[in-house]
Amino acid sequence: MRLVWISSPQSPWRVLAVATAGGKSLVVQLNEADESDRDAEDMYDLLRDTVARNGPEQSKPLIPREGVYEFKNDSWRVPWFYDEGRPKQDRLIICTHAFRKQSQRTPESEKSKAMKRKSRYLNAKRRGELRIG
């Protein structure tokens, strides 16, 4: 499984994103958003700068029993989880994907996608198949 950096590797909180088999990640998705979509740029800045510096203060539980949370702004949502089994000082946040807000409730399909990517991540980690870059 391939991950891409969102924050700098030297940030107090390290933020990474899961890349799909086709190599696409939420970084590409947010950067490819319409230029008039200021919320996409704001979400990317939140992840790259604010979360990397201060941690996940601006996040809400998405699937609490599974340890999946979400960052949100007016238009975008980004599910994420902590890398389990790492020392707390590692401060590693894994973002699964980004999606546009369609309603007040997060669609089950987006929750399912976040859970599948978390599961794939943990399996790849156990097998030593994580690649960053």
N, C-alpha and C. Protein backbone atom coordinates (compact mmCIF):
# COMPACT_ATOMS: atom_id res chain seq x y z
N MET A 1 0.85 -1.17 0.00
CA MET A 1 0.00 0.00 0.00
C MET A 1 0.89 1.23 0.00
N ARG A 2 0.49 2.20 -0.81
CA ARG A 2 1.26 3.44 -0.91
C ARG A 2 0.56 4.56 -0.16
N LEU A 3 1.36 5.34 0.56
CA LEU A 3 0.88 6.52 1.27
C LEU A 3 1.61 7.74 0.72
N VAL A 4 0.97 8.89 0.79
CA VAL A 4 1.61 10.13 0.37
C VAL A 4 1.60 11.12 1.54
N TRP A 5 2.65 11.91 1.61
CA TRP A 5 2.74 12.92 2.66
C TRP A 5 1.76 14.05 2.38
N ILE A 6 1.09 14.50 3.42
CA ILE A 6 0.32 15.74 3.37
C ILE A 6 1.13 16.81 4.11
N SER A 7 1.58 16.47 5.31
CA SER A 7 2.42 17.38 6.08
C SER A 7 3.88 17.09 5.78
N SER A 8 4.74 17.90 6.33
CA SER A 8 6.17 17.62 6.26
C SER A 8 6.47 16.45 7.19
N PRO A 9 7.39 15.56 6.81
CA PRO A 9 7.75 14.45 7.71
C PRO A 9 8.32 14.92 9.05
N GLN A 10 8.77 16.17 9.11
CA GLN A 10 9.32 16.71 10.35
C GLN A 10 8.28 17.44 11.20
N SER A 11 7.02 17.48 10.77
CA SER A 11 5.97 18.17 11.52
C SER A 11 5.74 17.50 12.86
N PRO A 12 5.29 18.26 13.87
CA PRO A 12 4.96 17.64 15.16
C PRO A 12 3.94 16.52 15.03
N TRP A 13 2.94 16.70 14.16
CA TRP A 13 1.97 15.66 13.81
C TRP A 13 2.21 15.33 12.35
N ARG A 14 2.47 14.06 12.07
CA ARG A 14 2.71 13.63 10.69
C ARG A 14 1.40 13.17 10.08
N VAL A 15 1.05 13.77 8.95
CA VAL A 15 -0.24 13.50 8.29
C VAL A 15 0.05 12.90 6.92
N LEU A 16 -0.53 11.69 6.70
CA LEU A 16 -0.37 10.99 5.43
C LEU A 16 -1.74 10.64 4.87
N ALA A 17 -1.77 10.36 3.57
CA ALA A 17 -3.01 9.96 2.90
C ALA A 17 -2.81 8.63 2.19
N VAL A 18 -3.82 7.80 2.21
CA VAL A 18 -3.83 6.53 1.48
C VAL A 18 -3.98 6.84 0.00
N ALA A 19 -3.16 6.20 -0.82
CA ALA A 19 -3.29 6.33 -2.28
C ALA A 19 -4.04 5.11 -2.80
N THR A 20 -4.87 5.32 -3.79
CA THR A 20 -5.60 4.21 -4.40
C THR A 20 -4.65 3.39 -5.27
N ALA A 21 -5.14 2.27 -5.77
CA ALA A 21 -4.33 1.43 -6.66
C ALA A 21 -3.89 2.21 -7.89
N GLY A 22 -4.70 3.16 -8.31
CA GLY A 22 -4.35 4.00 -9.45
C GLY A 22 -3.42 5.15 -9.10
N GLY A 23 -3.03 5.24 -7.82
CA GLY A 23 -2.09 6.26 -7.40
C GLY A 23 -2.71 7.58 -6.98
N LYS A 24 -4.03 7.65 -6.96
CA LYS A 24 -4.70 8.89 -6.60
C LYS A 24 -4.91 8.93 -5.08
N SER A 25 -4.78 10.12 -4.52
CA SER A 25 -5.03 10.31 -3.09
C SER A 25 -5.86 11.57 -2.90
N LEU A 26 -6.23 11.84 -1.67
CA LEU A 26 -7.02 13.04 -1.41
C LEU A 26 -6.23 14.29 -1.75
N VAL A 27 -4.91 14.23 -1.73
CA VAL A 27 -4.09 15.37 -2.11
C VAL A 27 -4.39 15.75 -3.56
N VAL A 28 -4.39 14.76 -4.44
CA VAL A 28 -4.70 14.99 -5.85
C VAL A 28 -6.14 15.46 -5.98
N GLN A 29 -7.04 14.80 -5.29
CA GLN A 29 -8.45 15.13 -5.37
C GLN A 29 -8.72 16.59 -4.97
N LEU A 30 -8.14 17.03 -3.86
CA LEU A 30 -8.34 18.40 -3.41
C LEU A 30 -7.66 19.40 -4.34
N ASN A 31 -6.49 19.04 -4.85
CA ASN A 31 -5.78 19.93 -5.76
C ASN A 31 -6.45 20.03 -7.13
N GLU A 32 -7.19 18.99 -7.52
CA GLU A 32 -7.88 19.00 -8.82
C GLU A 32 -9.26 19.64 -8.75
N ALA A 33 -9.69 20.03 -7.56
CA ALA A 33 -11.01 20.65 -7.42
C ALA A 33 -11.03 21.96 -8.21
N ASP A 34 -12.22 22.36 -8.59
CA ASP A 34 -12.41 23.60 -9.33
C ASP A 34 -11.71 24.75 -8.61
N GLU A 35 -11.06 25.62 -9.37
CA GLU A 35 -10.33 26.74 -8.79
C GLU A 35 -11.21 27.64 -7.93
N SER A 36 -12.49 27.68 -8.22
CA SER A 36 -13.40 28.51 -7.44
C SER A 36 -13.81 27.84 -6.13
N ASP A 37 -13.42 26.58 -5.94
CA ASP A 37 -13.77 25.84 -4.72
C ASP A 37 -12.74 26.15 -3.64
N ARG A 38 -12.93 27.25 -2.97
CA ARG A 38 -12.00 27.68 -1.92
C ARG A 38 -11.97 26.68 -0.76
N ASP A 39 -13.06 25.97 -0.52
CA ASP A 39 -13.10 25.00 0.57
C ASP A 39 -12.13 23.85 0.36
N ALA A 40 -11.90 23.45 -0.90
CA ALA A 40 -10.93 22.38 -1.16
C ALA A 40 -9.53 22.84 -0.76
N GLU A 41 -9.19 24.05 -1.14
CA GLU A 41 -7.88 24.60 -0.76
C GLU A 41 -7.78 24.77 0.75
N ASP A 42 -8.86 25.22 1.38
CA ASP A 42 -8.88 25.38 2.84
C ASP A 42 -8.69 24.04 3.55
N MET A 43 -9.32 22.98 3.02
CA MET A 43 -9.16 21.66 3.64
C MET A 43 -7.73 21.19 3.53
N TYR A 44 -7.13 21.36 2.37
CA TYR A 44 -5.73 20.96 2.18
C TYR A 44 -4.83 21.74 3.13
N ASP A 45 -5.06 23.05 3.25
CA ASP A 45 -4.26 23.87 4.17
C ASP A 45 -4.46 23.42 5.61
N LEU A 46 -5.69 23.09 5.98
CA LEU A 46 -5.97 22.61 7.34
C LEU A 46 -5.13 21.38 7.64
N LEU A 47 -5.14 20.41 6.73
CA LEU A 47 -4.40 19.17 6.95
C LEU A 47 -2.89 19.39 6.95
N ARG A 48 -2.42 20.13 5.95
CA ARG A 48 -0.98 20.32 5.76
C ARG A 48 -0.36 21.20 6.84
N ASP A 49 -1.08 22.22 7.29
CA ASP A 49 -0.50 23.19 8.20
C ASP A 49 -1.05 23.08 9.62
N THR A 50 -2.35 23.31 9.80
CA THR A 50 -2.94 23.37 11.14
C THR A 50 -2.88 22.03 11.86
N VAL A 51 -3.34 20.97 11.21
CA VAL A 51 -3.31 19.65 11.87
C VAL A 51 -1.88 19.20 12.09
N ALA A 52 -1.02 19.43 11.13
CA ALA A 52 0.39 19.03 11.27
C ALA A 52 1.05 19.74 12.44
N ARG A 53 0.64 20.95 12.71
CA ARG A 53 1.22 21.72 13.80
C ARG A 53 0.55 21.45 15.15
N ASN A 54 -0.79 21.40 15.16
CA ASN A 54 -1.56 21.35 16.41
C ASN A 54 -2.24 20.03 16.70
N GLY A 55 -2.23 19.11 15.77
CA GLY A 55 -2.94 17.85 15.96
C GLY A 55 -4.39 17.94 15.54
N PRO A 56 -5.14 16.88 15.80
CA PRO A 56 -6.52 16.79 15.29
C PRO A 56 -7.56 17.47 16.18
N GLU A 57 -7.29 18.70 16.60
CA GLU A 57 -8.21 19.43 17.47
C GLU A 57 -9.55 19.69 16.80
N GLN A 58 -9.56 19.90 15.49
CA GLN A 58 -10.76 20.28 14.77
C GLN A 58 -11.44 19.08 14.12
N SER A 59 -11.49 17.98 14.83
CA SER A 59 -12.06 16.80 14.23
C SER A 59 -13.16 16.21 15.10
N LYS A 60 -14.02 15.45 14.49
CA LYS A 60 -15.16 14.82 15.17
C LYS A 60 -15.13 13.32 14.93
N PRO A 61 -15.65 12.52 15.88
CA PRO A 61 -15.75 11.08 15.64
C PRO A 61 -16.71 10.80 14.48
N LEU A 62 -16.31 9.91 13.60
CA LEU A 62 -17.17 9.49 12.49
C LEU A 62 -17.72 8.10 12.80
N ILE A 63 -16.84 7.17 13.17
CA ILE A 63 -17.23 5.83 13.59
C ILE A 63 -16.46 5.57 14.89
N PRO A 64 -16.97 6.08 16.01
CA PRO A 64 -16.22 6.05 17.27
C PRO A 64 -15.73 4.66 17.68
N ARG A 65 -16.55 3.64 17.56
CA ARG A 65 -16.16 2.31 18.02
C ARG A 65 -15.02 1.72 17.19
N GLU A 66 -14.79 2.30 16.00
CA GLU A 66 -13.72 1.82 15.12
C GLU A 66 -12.52 2.76 15.10
N GLY A 67 -12.59 3.86 15.86
CA GLY A 67 -11.48 4.80 15.88
C GLY A 67 -11.29 5.57 14.60
N VAL A 68 -12.40 5.87 13.91
CA VAL A 68 -12.34 6.65 12.68
C VAL A 68 -12.99 8.01 12.97
N TYR A 69 -12.30 9.06 12.59
CA TYR A 69 -12.73 10.43 12.82
C TYR A 69 -12.85 11.14 11.49
N GLU A 70 -13.26 12.42 11.53
CA GLU A 70 -13.29 13.16 10.28
C GLU A 70 -12.97 14.64 10.52
N PHE A 71 -12.23 15.18 9.56
CA PHE A 71 -12.03 16.62 9.49
C PHE A 71 -13.11 17.13 8.56
N LYS A 72 -13.65 18.32 8.84
CA LYS A 72 -14.69 18.84 7.96
C LYS A 72 -14.62 20.36 7.87
N ASN A 73 -15.07 20.85 6.72
CA ASN A 73 -15.33 22.27 6.55
C ASN A 73 -16.68 22.39 5.86
N ASP A 74 -16.98 23.52 5.29
CA ASP A 74 -18.32 23.71 4.71
C ASP A 74 -18.65 22.73 3.60
N SER A 75 -17.66 22.34 2.77
CA SER A 75 -17.94 21.51 1.60
C SER A 75 -17.28 20.14 1.61
N TRP A 76 -16.21 19.96 2.35
CA TRP A 76 -15.42 18.74 2.26
C TRP A 76 -15.34 18.00 3.59
N ARG A 77 -15.19 16.67 3.47
CA ARG A 77 -14.99 15.79 4.63
C ARG A 77 -13.78 14.91 4.34
N VAL A 78 -12.97 14.65 5.38
CA VAL A 78 -11.81 13.77 5.26
C VAL A 78 -11.79 12.81 6.44
N PRO A 79 -12.17 11.55 6.24
CA PRO A 79 -12.06 10.55 7.30
C PRO A 79 -10.59 10.23 7.57
N TRP A 80 -10.28 9.90 8.83
CA TRP A 80 -8.90 9.58 9.21
C TRP A 80 -8.89 8.69 10.45
N PHE A 81 -7.72 8.13 10.73
CA PHE A 81 -7.52 7.32 11.94
C PHE A 81 -6.07 7.46 12.39
N TYR A 82 -5.83 7.11 13.66
CA TYR A 82 -4.46 7.07 14.16
C TYR A 82 -3.83 5.76 13.74
N ASP A 83 -2.53 5.77 13.49
CA ASP A 83 -1.81 4.52 13.24
C ASP A 83 -1.75 3.77 14.56
N GLU A 84 -2.45 2.65 14.65
CA GLU A 84 -2.50 1.86 15.88
C GLU A 84 -1.18 1.16 16.13
N GLY A 85 -0.84 1.04 17.39
CA GLY A 85 0.34 0.28 17.77
C GLY A 85 1.62 1.07 17.74
N ARG A 86 1.56 2.33 17.39
CA ARG A 86 2.76 3.16 17.39
C ARG A 86 2.82 3.93 18.71
N PRO A 87 4.01 4.25 19.17
CA PRO A 87 4.10 5.08 20.38
C PRO A 87 3.41 6.42 20.17
N LYS A 88 2.80 6.94 21.23
CA LYS A 88 2.06 8.19 21.12
C LYS A 88 2.90 9.33 20.55
N GLN A 89 4.17 9.35 20.87
CA GLN A 89 5.01 10.45 20.40
C GLN A 89 5.17 10.44 18.88
N ASP A 90 4.81 9.34 18.22
CA ASP A 90 4.89 9.30 16.75
C ASP A 90 3.87 10.23 16.11
N ARG A 91 2.71 10.36 16.74
CA ARG A 91 1.69 11.30 16.27
C ARG A 91 1.43 11.17 14.77
N LEU A 92 1.02 10.00 14.36
CA LEU A 92 0.81 9.70 12.95
C LEU A 92 -0.69 9.60 12.65
N ILE A 93 -1.16 10.42 11.72
CA ILE A 93 -2.56 10.46 11.30
C ILE A 93 -2.63 9.98 9.85
N ILE A 94 -3.52 9.01 9.59
CA ILE A 94 -3.70 8.46 8.25
C ILE A 94 -5.08 8.89 7.74
N CYS A 95 -5.10 9.68 6.67
CA CYS A 95 -6.35 10.13 6.04
C CYS A 95 -6.72 9.13 4.94
N THR A 96 -7.98 8.72 4.94
CA THR A 96 -8.39 7.68 3.99
C THR A 96 -8.78 8.23 2.63
N HIS A 97 -9.54 9.30 2.59
CA HIS A 97 -10.00 9.88 1.34
C HIS A 97 -10.71 11.20 1.64
N ALA A 98 -11.12 11.90 0.61
CA ALA A 98 -11.90 13.13 0.76
C ALA A 98 -13.18 12.99 -0.04
N PHE A 99 -14.22 13.62 0.44
CA PHE A 99 -15.47 13.64 -0.33
C PHE A 99 -16.22 14.94 -0.06
N ARG A 100 -17.02 15.31 -1.05
CA ARG A 100 -17.83 16.52 -0.91
C ARG A 100 -19.03 16.24 -0.04
N LYS A 101 -19.33 17.19 0.80
CA LYS A 101 -20.50 17.09 1.67
C LYS A 101 -21.76 17.20 0.81
N GLN A 102 -22.66 16.23 0.97
CA GLN A 102 -23.93 16.25 0.23
C GLN A 102 -25.11 16.53 1.15
N SER A 103 -24.95 16.17 2.43
CA SER A 103 -26.03 16.37 3.41
C SER A 103 -25.41 16.45 4.80
N GLN A 104 -26.23 16.62 5.80
CA GLN A 104 -25.74 16.70 7.17
C GLN A 104 -25.15 15.37 7.63
N ARG A 105 -25.68 14.26 7.16
CA ARG A 105 -25.22 12.93 7.57
C ARG A 105 -24.20 12.40 6.57
N THR A 106 -23.20 11.75 7.11
CA THR A 106 -22.20 11.13 6.24
C THR A 106 -22.79 9.86 5.64
N PRO A 107 -22.76 9.71 4.32
CA PRO A 107 -23.31 8.51 3.69
C PRO A 107 -22.59 7.24 4.17
N GLU A 108 -23.34 6.17 4.29
CA GLU A 108 -22.77 4.88 4.72
C GLU A 108 -21.66 4.43 3.77
N SER A 109 -21.80 4.75 2.47
CA SER A 109 -20.78 4.34 1.51
C SER A 109 -19.43 5.00 1.82
N GLU A 110 -19.44 6.23 2.32
CA GLU A 110 -18.19 6.92 2.67
C GLU A 110 -17.61 6.33 3.96
N LYS A 111 -18.47 5.97 4.89
CA LYS A 111 -17.99 5.32 6.11
C LYS A 111 -17.37 3.97 5.78
N SER A 112 -18.03 3.22 4.90
CA SER A 112 -17.53 1.92 4.48
C SER A 112 -16.18 2.05 3.78
N LYS A 113 -16.03 3.05 2.91
CA LYS A 113 -14.77 3.28 2.22
C LYS A 113 -13.66 3.58 3.23
N ALA A 114 -13.95 4.38 4.23
CA ALA A 114 -12.95 4.69 5.26
C ALA A 114 -12.54 3.43 6.02
N MET A 115 -13.51 2.60 6.38
CA MET A 115 -13.21 1.37 7.11
C MET A 115 -12.39 0.40 6.26
N LYS A 116 -12.72 0.28 4.98
CA LYS A 116 -11.98 -0.62 4.09
C LYS A 116 -10.53 -0.16 3.95
N ARG A 117 -10.34 1.14 3.81
CA ARG A 117 -8.97 1.65 3.67
C ARG A 117 -8.19 1.51 4.97
N LYS A 118 -8.86 1.67 6.10
CA LYS A 118 -8.18 1.45 7.38
C LYS A 118 -7.75 -0.01 7.49
N SER A 119 -8.64 -0.91 7.14
CA SER A 119 -8.34 -2.35 7.19
C SER A 119 -7.19 -2.70 6.24
N ARG A 120 -7.23 -2.17 5.02
CA ARG A 120 -6.14 -2.41 4.06
C ARG A 120 -4.82 -1.89 4.60
N TYR A 121 -4.86 -0.71 5.22
CA TYR A 121 -3.65 -0.12 5.80
C TYR A 121 -3.08 -1.04 6.89
N LEU A 122 -3.92 -1.46 7.81
CA LEU A 122 -3.45 -2.30 8.92
C LEU A 122 -2.91 -3.63 8.42
N ASN A 123 -3.57 -4.21 7.41
CA ASN A 123 -3.07 -5.47 6.83
C ASN A 123 -1.73 -5.26 6.14
N ALA A 124 -1.60 -4.19 5.38
CA ALA A 124 -0.34 -3.90 4.70
C ALA A 124 0.76 -3.62 5.72
N LYS A 125 0.43 -2.97 6.79
CA LYS A 125 1.41 -2.69 7.85
C LYS A 125 1.90 -4.00 8.47
N ARG A 126 0.97 -4.90 8.77
CA ARG A 126 1.34 -6.20 9.36
C ARG A 126 2.25 -7.00 8.44
N ARG A 127 2.01 -6.89 7.13
CA ARG A 127 2.79 -7.63 6.15
C ARG A 127 4.08 -6.90 5.75
N GLY A 128 4.28 -5.68 6.28
CA GLY A 128 5.45 -4.90 5.94
C GLY A 128 5.40 -4.34 4.53
N GLU A 129 4.20 -4.04 4.04
CA GLU A 129 4.02 -3.60 2.65
C GLU A 129 3.62 -2.13 2.52
N LEU A 130 3.92 -1.32 3.54
CA LEU A 130 3.62 0.11 3.45
C LEU A 130 4.77 0.83 2.75
N ARG A 131 4.42 1.68 1.80
CA ARG A 131 5.42 2.52 1.12
C ARG A 131 4.95 3.96 1.20
N ILE A 132 5.89 4.85 1.50
CA ILE A 132 5.57 6.27 1.58
C ILE A 132 6.29 6.98 0.45
N GLY A 133 5.52 7.75 -0.32
CA GLY A 133 6.12 8.52 -1.40
C GLY A 133 5.26 8.58 -2.61
